[in-house]
C-alpha atoms as a PDB file:
ATOM      1  CA  MET A   1     185.273 268.809 158.865  1.00  0.00           C
ATOM      2  CA  ALA A   2     183.634 266.794 155.964  1.00  0.00           C
ATOM      3  CA  ALA A   3     180.664 265.874 158.009  1.00  0.00           C
ATOM      4  CA  LEU A   4     179.689 269.521 158.759  1.00  0.00           C
ATOM      5  CA  ALA A   5     180.358 270.411 155.066  1.00  0.00           C
ATOM      6  CA  ALA A   6     177.949 267.577 153.911  1.00  0.00           C
ATOM      7  CA  ALA A   7     175.271 268.451 156.525  1.00  0.00           C
ATOM      8  CA  MET A   8     175.535 272.101 155.449  1.00  0.00           C
ATOM      9  CA  LYS A   9     175.103 271.006 151.759  1.00  0.00           C
ATOM     10  CA  TYR A  10     172.063 268.920 152.741  1.00  0.00           C
ATOM     11  CA  ALA A  11     170.590 271.966 154.525  1.00  0.00           C
ATOM     12  CA  GLU A  12     171.193 274.304 151.675  1.00  0.00           C
ATOM     13  CA  ASP A  13     170.021 271.831 148.942  1.00  0.00           C
ATOM     14  CA  ARG A  14     166.826 271.325 151.018  1.00  0.00           C
ATOM     15  CA  SER A  15     166.457 275.149 150.846  1.00  0.00           C
ATOM     16  CA  ALA A  16     166.253 275.259 154.565  1.00  0.00           C
ATOM     17  CA  VAL A  17     169.014 277.872 155.087  1.00  0.00           C
ATOM     18  CA  VAL A  18     171.675 279.896 153.363  1.00  0.00           C
ATOM     19  CA  PHE A  19     174.794 279.909 155.480  1.00  0.00           C
ATOM     20  CA  LYS A  20     176.798 283.177 155.682  1.00  0.00           C
ATOM     21  CA  PRO A  21     180.581 283.334 156.032  1.00  0.00           C
ATOM     22  CA  SER A  22     180.054 285.164 159.302  1.00  0.00           C
ATOM     23  CA  ASP A  23     178.118 282.208 160.906  1.00  0.00           C
ATOM     24  CA  SER A  24     180.110 280.491 163.569  1.00  0.00           C
ATOM     25  CA  THR A  25     181.036 276.871 163.391  1.00  0.00           C
ATOM     26  CA  GLY A  26     178.990 276.342 166.494  1.00  0.00           C
ATOM     27  CA  ASP A  27     175.945 277.920 165.078  1.00  0.00           C
ATOM     28  CA  ARG A  28     176.234 275.854 161.978  1.00  0.00           C
ATOM     29  CA  LEU A  29     176.545 272.662 163.993  1.00  0.00           C
ATOM     30  CA  PHE A  30     173.575 273.400 166.166  1.00  0.00           C
ATOM     31  CA  TYR A  31     171.448 274.282 163.096  1.00  0.00           C
ATOM     32  CA  VAL A  32     172.119 271.370 160.945  1.00  0.00           C
ATOM     33  CA  TYR A  33     171.822 268.981 164.034  1.00  0.00           C
ATOM     34  CA  ARG A  34     168.310 270.460 164.653  1.00  0.00           C
ATOM     35  CA  LEU A  35     167.372 270.147 160.953  1.00  0.00           C
ATOM     36  CA  LEU A  36     168.522 266.520 160.832  1.00  0.00           C
ATOM     37  CA  VAL A  37     166.584 265.705 163.929  1.00  0.00           C
ATOM     38  CA  HIS A  38     163.574 267.506 162.501  1.00  0.00           C
ATOM     39  CA  ASP A  39     163.846 265.551 159.191  1.00  0.00           C
ATOM     40  CA  GLU A  40     164.306 262.330 161.327  1.00  0.00           C
ATOM     41  CA  ARG A  41     167.703 261.628 159.869  1.00  0.00           C
ATOM     42  CA  LEU A  42     169.186 261.760 163.458  1.00  0.00           C
ATOM     43  CA  GLN A  43     167.827 260.580 166.894  1.00  0.00           C
ATOM     44  CA  PRO A  44     167.614 263.632 169.196  1.00  0.00           C
ATOM     45  CA  MET A  45     169.833 263.640 172.260  1.00  0.00           C
ATOM     46  CA  PRO A  46     168.732 264.780 175.694  1.00  0.00           C
ATOM     47  CA  GLU A  47     169.200 268.644 175.851  1.00  0.00           C
ATOM     48  CA  ASP A  48     171.639 268.412 178.718  1.00  0.00           C
ATOM     49  CA  GLN A  49     173.973 266.339 176.470  1.00  0.00           C
ATOM     50  CA  VAL A  50     173.965 268.624 173.522  1.00  0.00           C
ATOM     51  CA  SER A  51     177.367 270.359 173.053  1.00  0.00           C
ATOM     52  CA  GLU A  52     179.646 271.094 170.209  1.00  0.00           C
ATOM     53  CA  GLU A  53     181.681 268.077 170.926  1.00  0.00           C
ATOM     54  CA  SER A  54     178.692 265.714 170.956  1.00  0.00           C
ATOM     55  CA  LEU A  55     177.384 267.346 167.799  1.00  0.00           C
ATOM     56  CA  ARG A  56     180.510 266.931 165.969  1.00  0.00           C
ATOM     57  CA  HIS A  57     180.465 263.149 166.957  1.00  0.00           C
ATOM     58  CA  ARG A  58     176.937 262.768 165.836  1.00  0.00           C
ATOM     59  CA  LEU A  59     177.487 264.447 162.592  1.00  0.00           C
ATOM     60  CA  GLU A  60     180.634 262.238 161.913  1.00  0.00           C
ATOM     61  CA  MET A  61     178.581 259.124 162.610  1.00  0.00           C
ATOM     62  CA  TRP A  62     175.650 260.379 160.367  1.00  0.00           C
ATOM     63  CA  TYR A  63     178.214 261.268 157.552  1.00  0.00           C
ATOM     64  CA  ALA A  64     179.924 257.885 157.869  1.00  0.00           C
ATOM     65  CA  ASN A  65     176.557 256.177 157.360  1.00  0.00           C
ATOM     66  CA  GLN A  66     176.112 258.208 154.158  1.00  0.00           C
ATOM     67  CA  LEU A  67     179.314 256.973 152.709  1.00  0.00           C
ATOM     68  CA  GLY A  68     179.716 253.657 150.808  1.00  0.00           C
ATOM     69  CA  ASP A  69     181.432 250.766 152.480  1.00  0.00           C
ATOM     70  CA  ASN A  70     184.515 251.084 150.187  1.00  0.00           C
ATOM     71  CA  ASP A  71     184.842 254.903 150.653  1.00  0.00           C
ATOM     72  CA  PRO A  72     188.564 255.910 151.430  1.00  0.00           C
ATOM     73  CA  LEU A  73     187.422 258.233 154.173  1.00  0.00           C
ATOM     74  CA  LEU A  74     186.368 255.225 156.152  1.00  0.00           C
ATOM     75  CA  LYS A  75     189.883 253.628 156.151  1.00  0.00           C
END
């Protein structure tokens, strides 16, 4: 998932975390979501709506907004 990879790169470039190969995808999703909310890059969701599926969607939308209009991934 390109969105998760980009969010992880953002977190690591910010020196907020060093991800380990043993970290689960779910743990990575939750961490980068909370970091992006903290940095005001994403609007927080109500806690009862936070799930891996909803986080994947939110990260995909965030990532799509980071890409240029002519990026092939948007086609």
